[in-house]
Amino acid sequence: ILYFIFGIWSGILGLSMSMIIRMELSMGGNLIGNDQIYNSIV
């Protein structure tokens, strides 16, 4: 059960990070903040 919960949590976290990166790349602006935060996510 613990592996199942961790898998769901990791999937949600990865999905949210990928959506943030996609929004940042599609808008082309400073949505997240500065470049250091963006590079640490990537």
PDB file of N, CA and C in Angstrom:
ATOM      1  N   ILE A   1       0.837  -1.195   0.000  1.00  0.00           N
ATOM      2  CA  ILE A   1       0.000   0.000   0.000  1.00  0.00           C
ATOM      3  C   ILE A   1       0.874   1.248   0.000  1.00  0.00           C
ATOM      4  N   LEU A   2       1.997   1.202   0.698  1.00  0.00           N
ATOM      5  CA  LEU A   2       2.882   2.362   0.755  1.00  0.00           C
ATOM      6  C   LEU A   2       3.479   2.670  -0.621  1.00  0.00           C
ATOM      7  N   TYR A   3       3.828   1.643  -1.371  1.00  0.00           N
ATOM      8  CA  TYR A   3       4.350   1.854  -2.721  1.00  0.00           C
ATOM      9  C   TYR A   3       3.296   2.473  -3.622  1.00  0.00           C
ATOM     10  N   PHE A   4       2.058   2.056  -3.454  1.00  0.00           N
ATOM     11  CA  PHE A   4       0.959   2.586  -4.264  1.00  0.00           C
ATOM     12  C   PHE A   4       0.745   4.072  -3.976  1.00  0.00           C
ATOM     13  N   ILE A   5       0.771   4.444  -2.707  1.00  0.00           N
ATOM     14  CA  ILE A   5       0.590   5.849  -2.329  1.00  0.00           C
ATOM     15  C   ILE A   5       1.762   6.690  -2.827  1.00  0.00           C
ATOM     16  N   PHE A   6       2.974   6.173  -2.682  1.00  0.00           N
ATOM     17  CA  PHE A   6       4.141   6.910  -3.162  1.00  0.00           C
ATOM     18  C   PHE A   6       4.124   7.052  -4.682  1.00  0.00           C
ATOM     19  N   GLY A   7       3.646   6.031  -5.382  1.00  0.00           N
ATOM     20  CA  GLY A   7       3.550   6.106  -6.838  1.00  0.00           C
ATOM     21  C   GLY A   7       2.561   7.162  -7.290  1.00  0.00           C
ATOM     22  N   ILE A   8       1.425   7.232  -6.620  1.00  0.00           N
ATOM     23  CA  ILE A   8       0.431   8.254  -6.968  1.00  0.00           C
ATOM     24  C   ILE A   8       0.982   9.650  -6.671  1.00  0.00           C
ATOM     25  N   TRP A   9       1.639   9.798  -5.510  1.00  0.00           N
ATOM     26  CA  TRP A   9       2.190  11.098  -5.134  1.00  0.00           C
ATOM     27  C   TRP A   9       3.278  11.543  -6.116  1.00  0.00           C
ATOM     28  N   SER A  10       4.128  10.623  -6.522  1.00  0.00           N
ATOM     29  CA  SER A  10       5.185  10.964  -7.478  1.00  0.00           C
ATOM     30  C   SER A  10       4.603  11.310  -8.839  1.00  0.00           C
ATOM     31  N   GLY A  11       3.557  10.600  -9.237  1.00  0.00           N
ATOM     32  CA  GLY A  11       2.913  10.897 -10.512  1.00  0.00           C
ATOM     33  C   GLY A  11       2.278  12.274 -10.527  1.00  0.00           C
ATOM     34  N   ILE A  12       1.622  12.638  -9.438  1.00  0.00           N
ATOM     35  CA  ILE A  12       0.998  13.962  -9.362  1.00  0.00           C
ATOM     36  C   ILE A  12       2.062  15.053  -9.341  1.00  0.00           C
ATOM     37  N   LEU A  13       3.142  14.821  -8.611  1.00  0.00           N
ATOM     38  CA  LEU A  13       4.220  15.806  -8.548  1.00  0.00           C
ATOM     39  C   LEU A  13       4.886  15.986  -9.916  1.00  0.00           C
ATOM     40  N   GLY A  14       5.150  14.885 -10.604  1.00  0.00           N
ATOM     41  CA  GLY A  14       5.757  14.974 -11.929  1.00  0.00           C
ATOM     42  C   GLY A  14       4.841  15.621 -12.945  1.00  0.00           C
ATOM     43  N   LEU A  15       3.554  15.330 -12.854  1.00  0.00           N
ATOM     44  CA  LEU A  15       2.592  15.934 -13.772  1.00  0.00           C
ATOM     45  C   LEU A  15       2.499  17.435 -13.550  1.00  0.00           C
ATOM     46  N   SER A  16       2.493  17.852 -12.299  1.00  0.00           N
ATOM     47  CA  SER A  16       2.395  19.288 -12.029  1.00  0.00           C
ATOM     48  C   SER A  16       3.656  20.018 -12.485  1.00  0.00           C
ATOM     49  N   MET A  17       4.825  19.406 -12.280  1.00  0.00           N
ATOM     50  CA  MET A  17       6.060  20.052 -12.744  1.00  0.00           C
ATOM     51  C   MET A  17       6.113  20.130 -14.266  1.00  0.00           C
ATOM     52  N   SER A  18       5.640  19.083 -14.944  1.00  0.00           N
ATOM     53  CA  SER A  18       5.663  19.125 -16.403  1.00  0.00           C
ATOM     54  C   SER A  18       4.670  20.147 -16.939  1.00  0.00           C
ATOM     55  N   MET A  19       3.535  20.313 -16.272  1.00  0.00           N
ATOM     56  CA  MET A  19       2.585  21.330 -16.716  1.00  0.00           C
ATOM     57  C   MET A  19       3.129  22.735 -16.485  1.00  0.00           C
ATOM     58  N   ILE A  20       3.864  22.927 -15.380  1.00  0.00           N
ATOM     59  CA  ILE A  20       4.488  24.236 -15.134  1.00  0.00           C
ATOM     60  C   ILE A  20       5.531  24.534 -16.209  1.00  0.00           C
ATOM     61  N   ILE A  21       6.328  23.530 -16.570  1.00  0.00           N
ATOM     62  CA  ILE A  21       7.354  23.726 -17.597  1.00  0.00           C
ATOM     63  C   ILE A  21       6.705  23.997 -18.950  1.00  0.00           C
ATOM     64  N   ARG A  22       5.623  23.291 -19.267  1.00  0.00           N
ATOM     65  CA  ARG A  22       4.929  23.525 -20.536  1.00  0.00           C
ATOM     66  C   ARG A  22       4.317  24.918 -20.594  1.00  0.00           C
ATOM     67  N   MET A  23       3.731  25.384 -19.488  1.00  0.00           N
ATOM     68  CA  MET A  23       3.166  26.734 -19.482  1.00  0.00           C
ATOM     69  C   MET A  23       4.259  27.782 -19.610  1.00  0.00           C
ATOM     70  N   GLU A  24       5.391  27.541 -18.957  1.00  0.00           N
ATOM     71  CA  GLU A  24       6.509  28.486 -19.038  1.00  0.00           C
ATOM     72  C   GLU A  24       7.045  28.568 -20.470  1.00  0.00           C
ATOM     73  N   LEU A  25       7.162  27.420 -21.126  1.00  0.00           N
ATOM     74  CA  LEU A  25       7.706  27.426 -22.481  1.00  0.00           C
ATOM     75  C   LEU A  25       6.707  27.971 -23.492  1.00  0.00           C
ATOM     76  N   SER A  26       5.410  27.775 -23.264  1.00  0.00           N
ATOM     77  CA  SER A  26       4.433  28.257 -24.236  1.00  0.00           C
ATOM     78  C   SER A  26       4.243  29.764 -24.140  1.00  0.00           C
ATOM     79  N   MET A  27       4.337  30.323 -22.933  1.00  0.00           N
ATOM     80  CA  MET A  27       4.154  31.767 -22.792  1.00  0.00           C
ATOM     81  C   MET A  27       5.428  32.529 -23.135  1.00  0.00           C
ATOM     82  N   GLY A  28       6.565  31.943 -22.871  1.00  0.00           N
ATOM     83  CA  GLY A  28       7.819  32.587 -23.224  1.00  0.00           C
ATOM     84  C   GLY A  28       8.198  33.735 -22.311  1.00  0.00           C
ATOM     85  N   GLY A  29       7.546  33.846 -21.173  1.00  0.00           N
ATOM     86  CA  GLY A  29       7.852  34.937 -20.259  1.00  0.00           C
ATOM     87  C   GLY A  29       8.427  34.415 -18.965  1.00  0.00           C
ATOM     88  N   ASN A  30       8.340  35.230 -17.957  1.00  0.00           N
ATOM     89  CA  ASN A  30       8.829  34.841 -16.636  1.00  0.00           C
ATOM     90  C   ASN A  30       7.651  34.439 -15.767  1.00  0.00           C
ATOM     91  N   LEU A  31       7.083  33.288 -16.041  1.00  0.00           N
ATOM     92  CA  LEU A  31       5.923  32.823 -15.279  1.00  0.00           C
ATOM     93  C   LEU A  31       6.346  32.351 -13.895  1.00  0.00           C
ATOM     94  N   ILE A  32       7.427  31.613 -13.821  1.00  0.00           N
ATOM     95  CA  ILE A  32       7.862  31.052 -12.541  1.00  0.00           C
ATOM     96  C   ILE A  32       8.568  32.112 -11.705  1.00  0.00           C
ATOM     97  N   GLY A  33       9.348  32.941 -12.321  1.00  0.00           N
ATOM     98  CA  GLY A  33      10.124  33.927 -11.565  1.00  0.00           C
ATOM     99  C   GLY A  33      11.405  34.207 -12.318  1.00  0.00           C
ATOM    100  N   ASN A  34      12.509  33.754 -11.776  1.00  0.00           N
ATOM    101  CA  ASN A  34      13.769  33.969 -12.475  1.00  0.00           C
ATOM    102  C   ASN A  34      14.262  32.653 -13.082  1.00  0.00           C
ATOM    103  N   ASP A  35      15.375  32.721 -13.762  1.00  0.00           N
ATOM    104  CA  ASP A  35      15.885  31.546 -14.471  1.00  0.00           C
ATOM    105  C   ASP A  35      16.455  30.499 -13.528  1.00  0.00           C
ATOM    106  N   GLN A  36      16.875  30.903 -12.352  1.00  0.00           N
ATOM    107  CA  GLN A  36      17.460  29.947 -11.413  1.00  0.00           C
ATOM    108  C   GLN A  36      16.417  28.949 -10.922  1.00  0.00           C
ATOM    109  N   ILE A  37      15.212  29.406 -10.645  1.00  0.00           N
ATOM    110  CA  ILE A  37      14.146  28.502 -10.197  1.00  0.00           C
ATOM    111  C   ILE A  37      13.771  27.546 -11.324  1.00  0.00           C
ATOM    112  N   TYR A  38      13.676  28.083 -12.551  1.00  0.00           N
ATOM    113  CA  TYR A  38      13.336  27.244 -13.696  1.00  0.00           C
ATOM    114  C   TYR A  38      14.398  26.177 -13.930  1.00  0.00           C
ATOM    115  N   ASN A  39      15.663  26.542 -13.821  1.00  0.00           N
ATOM    116  CA  ASN A  39      16.736  25.570 -14.029  1.00  0.00           C
ATOM    117  C   ASN A  39      16.779  24.532 -12.920  1.00  0.00           C
ATOM    118  N   SER A  40      16.399  24.904 -11.715  1.00  0.00           N
ATOM    119  CA  SER A  40      16.389  23.916 -10.638  1.00  0.00           C
ATOM    120  C   SER A  40      15.251  22.927 -10.815  1.00  0.00           C
ATOM    121  N   ILE A  41      14.130  23.357 -11.396  1.00  0.00           N
ATOM    122  CA  ILE A  41      13.034  22.417 -11.672  1.00  0.00           C
ATOM    123  C   ILE A  41      13.424  21.473 -12.795  1.00  0.00           C
ATOM    124  N   VAL A  42      14.005  22.029 -13.852  1.00  0.00           N
ATOM    125  CA  VAL A  42      14.409  21.195 -14.982  1.00  0.00           C
ATOM    126  C   VAL A  42      15.565  20.324 -14.564  1.00  0.00           C
TER     127      VAL A  42
END
